N, C-alpha and C. Protein backbone atom coordinates (compact mmCIF):
# COMPACT_ATOMS: atom_id res chain seq x y z
N UNK A 1 -2.92 -8.84 -10.03
CA UNK A 1 -3.89 -8.73 -9.30
C UNK A 1 -4.95 -7.65 -9.70
N UNK A 2 -6.15 -8.29 -9.81
CA UNK A 2 -7.39 -7.42 -10.28
C UNK A 2 -7.98 -6.61 -9.31
N UNK A 3 -8.28 -5.30 -9.38
CA UNK A 3 -8.77 -4.55 -8.34
C UNK A 3 -10.03 -3.98 -9.00
N UNK A 4 -11.34 -3.78 -8.34
CA UNK A 4 -12.53 -3.56 -8.53
C UNK A 4 -12.68 -2.03 -7.78
N UNK A 5 -12.99 -1.10 -8.44
CA UNK A 5 -13.46 -0.02 -7.75
C UNK A 5 -15.00 0.55 -8.04
N UNK A 6 -15.68 0.85 -6.94
CA UNK A 6 -16.79 1.19 -6.97
C UNK A 6 -17.58 1.43 -5.80
N UNK A 7 -18.88 1.30 -5.69
CA UNK A 7 -19.90 1.28 -4.31
C UNK A 7 -20.63 0.14 -4.62
N UNK A 8 -20.57 -0.77 -3.29
CA UNK A 8 -20.76 -2.00 -3.09
C UNK A 8 -22.24 -2.31 -3.64
N UNK A 9 -23.05 -1.41 -3.09
CA UNK A 9 -24.65 -1.57 -3.59
C UNK A 9 -25.24 -1.25 -4.80
N UNK A 10 -24.49 -0.85 -5.68
CA UNK A 10 -24.74 -0.50 -6.91
C UNK A 10 -25.16 -1.70 -7.91
N UNK A 11 -26.24 -1.82 -8.47
CA UNK A 11 -26.88 -2.97 -9.40
C UNK A 11 -25.60 -3.27 -10.33
N UNK A 12 -24.86 -2.51 -10.92
CA UNK A 12 -23.91 -2.87 -11.94
C UNK A 12 -22.48 -3.19 -11.28
N UNK A 13 -22.29 -3.09 -9.99
CA UNK A 13 -21.19 -3.64 -9.37
C UNK A 13 -21.71 -5.11 -9.06
N UNK A 14 -22.73 -5.19 -8.56
CA UNK A 14 -23.49 -6.65 -8.39
C UNK A 14 -23.26 -7.58 -9.32
N UNK A 15 -23.29 -7.08 -10.60
CA UNK A 15 -23.26 -7.55 -11.96
C UNK A 15 -22.05 -8.20 -12.21
N UNK A 16 -20.90 -7.21 -11.79
CA UNK A 16 -19.31 -7.30 -11.82
C UNK A 16 -18.85 -8.27 -11.12
N UNK A 17 -19.33 -8.40 -9.70
CA UNK A 17 -19.02 -9.39 -8.77
C UNK A 17 -19.33 -10.63 -9.14
N UNK A 18 -20.90 -10.76 -9.81
CA UNK A 18 -21.35 -12.09 -9.98
C UNK A 18 -20.31 -12.74 -11.07
N UNK A 19 -20.01 -11.86 -12.06
CA UNK A 19 -19.36 -12.33 -13.26
C UNK A 19 -18.01 -12.85 -12.97
N UNK A 20 -17.40 -11.99 -12.06
CA UNK A 20 -15.85 -12.57 -11.61
C UNK A 20 -16.30 -13.86 -10.64
N UNK A 21 -17.16 -13.79 -9.92
CA UNK A 21 -17.47 -15.29 -9.20
C UNK A 21 -17.73 -16.48 -10.20
N UNK A 22 -18.48 -16.23 -11.32
CA UNK A 22 -18.74 -17.20 -12.11
C UNK A 22 -17.70 -17.53 -12.88
N UNK A 23 -16.85 -16.69 -12.94
CA UNK A 23 -15.57 -17.27 -13.91
C UNK A 23 -14.46 -17.81 -12.79
N UNK A 24 -14.59 -17.49 -11.76
CA UNK A 24 -13.68 -18.13 -10.97
C UNK A 24 -12.38 -17.29 -10.91
N UNK A 25 -12.57 -16.01 -10.93
CA UNK A 25 -11.25 -15.16 -11.04
C UNK A 25 -11.40 -14.19 -9.55
N UNK A 26 -10.41 -14.39 -8.91
CA UNK A 26 -9.96 -13.61 -7.61
C UNK A 26 -9.87 -12.06 -7.94
N UNK A 27 -10.42 -11.03 -7.06
CA UNK A 27 -10.02 -9.98 -7.16
C UNK A 27 -9.95 -9.07 -6.04
N UNK A 28 -9.78 -7.93 -5.71
CA UNK A 28 -9.76 -7.20 -4.56
C UNK A 28 -10.64 -6.06 -5.06
N UNK A 29 -11.46 -5.59 -3.75
CA UNK A 29 -12.42 -4.53 -4.12
C UNK A 29 -12.47 -3.35 -3.31
N UNK A 30 -12.45 -2.19 -3.85
CA UNK A 30 -12.03 -1.03 -3.22
C UNK A 30 -13.44 -0.21 -3.35
N UNK A 31 -14.15 -0.29 -2.04
CA UNK A 31 -15.23 0.67 -2.09
C UNK A 31 -15.20 1.96 -1.63
N UNK A 32 -15.43 3.17 -2.42
CA UNK A 32 -15.17 4.26 -2.31
C UNK A 32 -15.53 4.78 -0.91
N UNK A 33 -16.66 4.20 -0.63
CA UNK A 33 -17.48 4.74 0.55
C UNK A 33 -16.77 4.22 1.96
N UNK A 34 -16.39 3.09 1.82
CA UNK A 34 -15.88 2.49 2.99
C UNK A 34 -14.19 2.90 3.13
N UNK A 35 -13.53 2.73 1.80
CA UNK A 35 -11.92 2.64 1.77
C UNK A 35 -11.49 4.25 1.34
N UNK A 36 -12.46 4.97 0.81
CA UNK A 36 -11.98 6.34 0.63
C UNK A 36 -11.64 6.23 -0.83
N UNK A 37 -11.50 7.65 -1.13
CA UNK A 37 -10.89 7.91 -2.70
C UNK A 37 -10.18 9.36 -2.84
N UNK A 38 -9.09 9.61 -3.28
CA UNK A 38 -8.62 10.76 -3.05
C UNK A 38 -8.40 11.48 -4.78
N UNK A 39 -7.73 12.40 -4.79
CA UNK A 39 -7.59 13.01 -6.09
C UNK A 39 -6.49 12.54 -6.98
N UNK A 40 -5.63 11.73 -6.28
CA UNK A 40 -4.50 11.05 -6.82
C UNK A 40 -5.10 10.09 -7.79
N UNK A 41 -6.26 9.27 -7.24
CA UNK A 41 -6.69 7.79 -7.66
C UNK A 41 -7.52 8.39 -8.70
N UNK A 42 -8.38 9.39 -8.63
CA UNK A 42 -9.40 9.88 -9.65
C UNK A 42 -8.44 10.32 -10.92
N UNK A 43 -7.36 11.09 -10.54
CA UNK A 43 -6.60 11.53 -11.56
C UNK A 43 -5.89 10.17 -12.30
N UNK A 44 -5.71 9.31 -11.78
CA UNK A 44 -5.09 8.28 -12.45
C UNK A 44 -6.19 7.67 -13.32
N UNK A 45 -7.47 7.37 -12.66
CA UNK A 45 -8.55 7.09 -13.89
C UNK A 45 -8.55 7.88 -14.94
N UNK A 46 -8.57 9.19 -14.64
CA UNK A 46 -8.80 10.11 -15.66
C UNK A 46 -7.76 10.08 -16.85
N UNK A 47 -6.40 9.80 -16.26
CA UNK A 47 -5.42 10.01 -17.18
C UNK A 47 -5.51 8.39 -17.88
N UNK A 48 -5.85 7.51 -17.76
CA UNK A 48 -5.72 5.93 -18.21
C UNK A 48 -7.24 6.07 -19.09
N UNK A 49 -8.27 6.41 -18.54
CA UNK A 49 -9.45 6.24 -19.39
C UNK A 49 -10.17 7.60 -20.02
N UNK A 50 -9.81 8.75 -19.60
CA UNK A 50 -10.09 9.92 -20.25
C UNK A 50 -11.61 10.32 -19.51
N UNK A 51 -11.85 11.78 -19.17
CA UNK A 51 -12.91 11.92 -18.37
C UNK A 51 -14.11 11.63 -18.93
N UNK A 52 -14.27 11.57 -20.03
CA UNK A 52 -15.79 11.16 -20.63
C UNK A 52 -16.18 9.85 -20.12
N UNK A 53 -15.29 8.80 -20.04
CA UNK A 53 -15.29 7.39 -19.46
C UNK A 53 -15.42 7.49 -17.98
N UNK A 54 -14.91 8.18 -17.17
CA UNK A 54 -14.84 7.98 -15.93
C UNK A 54 -16.27 8.68 -15.33
N UNK A 55 -16.79 9.84 -15.97
CA UNK A 55 -17.64 10.51 -15.47
C UNK A 55 -19.05 9.75 -15.73
N UNK A 56 -19.83 9.65 -14.61
CA UNK A 56 -21.31 8.77 -14.85
C UNK A 56 -22.16 10.00 -14.96
N UNK A 57 -22.36 10.48 -16.17
CA UNK A 57 -23.69 11.29 -16.63
C UNK A 57 -24.91 10.95 -16.55
N UNK A 58 -25.31 9.37 -16.43
CA UNK A 58 -26.34 8.92 -16.29
C UNK A 58 -26.98 9.19 -14.88
N UNK A 59 -26.36 8.93 -13.89
CA UNK A 59 -26.99 9.20 -12.44
C UNK A 59 -27.12 10.43 -12.17
N UNK A 60 -28.16 10.31 -10.92
CA UNK A 60 -28.74 11.58 -10.36
C UNK A 60 -28.13 12.62 -10.03
N UNK A 61 -26.79 12.32 -9.15
CA UNK A 61 -25.93 13.28 -8.66
C UNK A 61 -25.58 14.22 -9.89
N UNK A 62 -24.92 13.83 -10.78
CA UNK A 62 -24.43 14.67 -12.15
C UNK A 62 -25.63 15.35 -12.74
N UNK A 63 -26.78 14.56 -12.62
CA UNK A 63 -27.89 15.47 -13.35
C UNK A 63 -28.30 16.58 -12.56
N UNK A 64 -28.21 16.30 -11.07
CA UNK A 64 -29.08 17.61 -10.51
C UNK A 64 -27.84 18.69 -10.10
N UNK A 65 -26.75 18.57 -10.79
CA UNK A 65 -25.79 19.71 -10.58
C UNK A 65 -26.28 20.71 -11.50
N UNK A 66 -26.15 22.11 -11.08
CA UNK A 66 -26.49 23.26 -11.77
C UNK A 66 -25.70 23.18 -12.87
N UNK A 67 -25.96 23.56 -14.23
CA UNK A 67 -25.64 24.03 -15.55
C UNK A 67 -24.38 24.81 -15.44
N UNK A 68 -24.30 25.76 -14.68
CA UNK A 68 -23.05 26.63 -14.50
C UNK A 68 -22.04 25.82 -13.74
N UNK A 69 -22.03 25.05 -12.99
CA UNK A 69 -21.16 24.08 -12.36
C UNK A 69 -20.61 23.16 -13.47
N UNK A 70 -21.64 22.37 -14.09
CA UNK A 70 -21.17 21.56 -15.24
C UNK A 70 -20.53 22.03 -16.37
N UNK A 71 -20.86 23.20 -16.78
CA UNK A 71 -20.17 23.99 -17.87
C UNK A 71 -19.01 24.67 -17.63
N UNK A 72 -18.52 24.81 -16.22
CA UNK A 72 -17.38 25.46 -16.08
C UNK A 72 -16.33 24.77 -15.25
N UNK A 73 -16.39 23.54 -15.55
CA UNK A 73 -15.14 22.66 -14.68
C UNK A 73 -13.92 22.71 -15.32
N UNK A 74 -12.90 23.21 -14.81
CA UNK A 74 -11.29 22.92 -15.14
C UNK A 74 -10.93 21.32 -14.77
N UNK A 75 -9.92 21.06 -14.88
CA UNK A 75 -9.34 19.68 -14.69
C UNK A 75 -9.25 19.66 -13.11
N UNK A 76 -8.82 20.72 -12.21
CA UNK A 76 -8.68 20.58 -10.83
C UNK A 76 -10.27 20.67 -10.14
N UNK A 77 -11.27 21.37 -10.73
CA UNK A 77 -12.70 21.26 -10.19
C UNK A 77 -13.43 20.02 -10.50
N UNK A 78 -13.05 19.41 -11.75
CA UNK A 78 -13.33 18.16 -12.20
C UNK A 78 -13.10 16.99 -11.35
N UNK A 79 -11.77 16.92 -10.86
CA UNK A 79 -11.28 15.92 -9.85
C UNK A 79 -11.71 16.32 -8.65
N UNK A 80 -11.82 17.46 -8.06
CA UNK A 80 -12.37 17.54 -6.65
C UNK A 80 -14.01 17.18 -6.77
N UNK A 81 -14.59 17.83 -7.80
CA UNK A 81 -16.10 17.01 -7.64
C UNK A 81 -16.20 15.64 -7.82
N UNK A 82 -15.27 14.64 -8.40
CA UNK A 82 -15.48 13.35 -8.39
C UNK A 82 -15.16 12.90 -7.07
N UNK A 83 -14.16 13.42 -6.49
CA UNK A 83 -13.77 13.19 -5.04
C UNK A 83 -14.89 13.32 -4.09
N UNK A 84 -15.45 14.54 -4.09
CA UNK A 84 -16.32 14.80 -3.15
C UNK A 84 -17.72 13.86 -3.54
N UNK A 85 -17.92 13.55 -4.76
CA UNK A 85 -19.04 12.79 -5.28
C UNK A 85 -19.02 11.57 -5.82
N UNK A 86 -18.39 10.49 -5.16
CA UNK A 86 -18.06 9.37 -5.63
C UNK A 86 -19.12 8.76 -6.47
N UNK A 87 -20.12 8.93 -6.49
CA UNK A 87 -21.29 8.25 -7.23
C UNK A 87 -21.23 9.00 -8.91
N UNK A 88 -20.61 10.01 -8.86
CA UNK A 88 -20.31 10.59 -10.21
C UNK A 88 -19.43 9.90 -11.05
N UNK A 89 -18.67 8.98 -10.37
CA UNK A 89 -17.60 8.16 -11.16
C UNK A 89 -18.17 6.74 -11.54
N UNK A 90 -18.21 6.55 -12.94
CA UNK A 90 -18.70 5.26 -13.34
C UNK A 90 -18.26 3.94 -12.69
N UNK A 91 -19.16 3.08 -12.89
CA UNK A 91 -18.78 1.96 -11.83
C UNK A 91 -19.13 0.78 -12.74
N UNK A 92 -18.61 -0.41 -12.68
CA UNK A 92 -17.08 -0.35 -11.90
C UNK A 92 -16.22 0.03 -12.65
N UNK A 93 -15.08 0.62 -12.30
CA UNK A 93 -13.46 0.77 -12.87
C UNK A 93 -12.57 -0.35 -12.58
N UNK A 94 -12.15 -1.15 -13.22
CA UNK A 94 -11.54 -2.40 -13.11
C UNK A 94 -10.15 -2.51 -13.55
N UNK A 95 -9.36 -2.66 -12.38
CA UNK A 95 -7.97 -2.41 -12.97
C UNK A 95 -7.29 -4.05 -13.29
N UNK A 96 -6.83 -4.27 -14.23
CA UNK A 96 -6.29 -5.55 -14.56
C UNK A 96 -4.99 -5.58 -14.76
N UNK A 97 -3.91 -5.51 -13.72
CA UNK A 97 -2.32 -4.99 -13.98
C UNK A 97 -2.18 -3.95 -14.63
N UNK A 98 -2.77 -3.07 -14.51
CA UNK A 98 -2.56 -1.59 -14.95
C UNK A 98 -3.41 -1.36 -16.34
N UNK A 99 -4.25 -2.14 -16.82
CA UNK A 99 -5.13 -1.83 -17.82
C UNK A 99 -6.35 -1.41 -17.23
N UNK A 100 -6.98 -0.29 -17.63
CA UNK A 100 -8.28 -0.31 -16.91
C UNK A 100 -9.39 -0.45 -17.89
N UNK A 101 -10.70 -0.65 -17.19
CA UNK A 101 -11.90 -0.63 -17.79
C UNK A 101 -12.98 0.12 -17.00
N UNK A 102 -14.08 0.75 -17.48
CA UNK A 102 -14.95 1.47 -17.02
C UNK A 102 -16.38 1.14 -17.53
N UNK A 103 -17.18 0.50 -16.38
CA UNK A 103 -18.48 0.31 -16.77
C UNK A 103 -18.19 -1.37 -16.69
N UNK A 104 -19.53 -1.81 -17.26
CA UNK A 104 -19.61 -3.35 -17.17
C UNK A 104 -20.70 -3.74 -18.31
N UNK A 105 -20.44 -3.03 -19.29
CA UNK A 105 -21.66 -3.65 -20.78
C UNK A 105 -20.98 -4.85 -20.92
N UNK A 106 -22.29 -5.43 -22.10
CA UNK A 106 -21.77 -6.79 -22.55
C UNK A 106 -20.22 -6.49 -23.49
N UNK A 107 -19.97 -5.61 -23.97
CA UNK A 107 -18.67 -5.14 -24.68
C UNK A 107 -17.31 -5.47 -23.48
N UNK A 108 -17.58 -4.80 -22.27
CA UNK A 108 -16.55 -4.83 -21.48
C UNK A 108 -16.71 -6.27 -20.79
N UNK A 109 -17.42 -6.98 -20.81
CA UNK A 109 -17.52 -8.28 -20.37
C UNK A 109 -16.74 -9.14 -21.22
N UNK A 110 -16.79 -9.04 -22.53
CA UNK A 110 -16.30 -9.56 -23.67
C UNK A 110 -14.71 -9.43 -23.71
N UNK A 111 -14.44 -8.12 -23.38
CA UNK A 111 -12.97 -7.59 -23.31
C UNK A 111 -12.19 -8.34 -22.07
N UNK A 112 -12.92 -8.33 -21.25
CA UNK A 112 -12.55 -8.94 -19.95
C UNK A 112 -12.23 -10.53 -20.01
N UNK A 113 -13.73 -11.04 -20.61
CA UNK A 113 -13.34 -12.45 -20.89
C UNK A 113 -12.18 -13.10 -21.80
N UNK A 114 -11.74 -12.19 -22.70
CA UNK A 114 -10.72 -12.33 -23.77
C UNK A 114 -9.28 -12.37 -23.09
N UNK A 115 -9.37 -11.48 -22.12
CA UNK A 115 -8.21 -11.17 -21.37
C UNK A 115 -7.80 -12.24 -20.26
N UNK A 116 -8.88 -12.56 -19.73
CA UNK A 116 -8.81 -13.25 -18.37
C UNK A 116 -9.28 -14.55 -18.18
N UNK A 117 -9.89 -14.85 -19.02
CA UNK A 117 -10.52 -16.49 -19.00
C UNK A 117 -9.72 -17.08 -19.95
N UNK A 118 -9.21 -18.49 -19.46
CA UNK A 118 -8.06 -19.09 -20.41
C UNK A 118 -9.06 -20.36 -20.69
């Protein structure tokens, strides 16, 4: 089962939804705002992908954070920050039976296609 995590109204999410639809691949969608998110899930993402891939530094939520907060995050603070600000989690995060992908660049699409499209 493929699970896509993110926020429904995000443009990148819409691209991912369309890609899966075009390739006739079924998935389950987990909307952080509707379905929630907890520290265990975020920790799983970070453990699998690394904090640099999970954190969305391009978004306004991250950019608006004071530098002293950005510069002094430990692991617990980092996880809590992402749980409280789900927009700071890169979108989408895709779980393909335990293999995770973060983002939806052309390269990500090619990797998914090689893995999923027969």
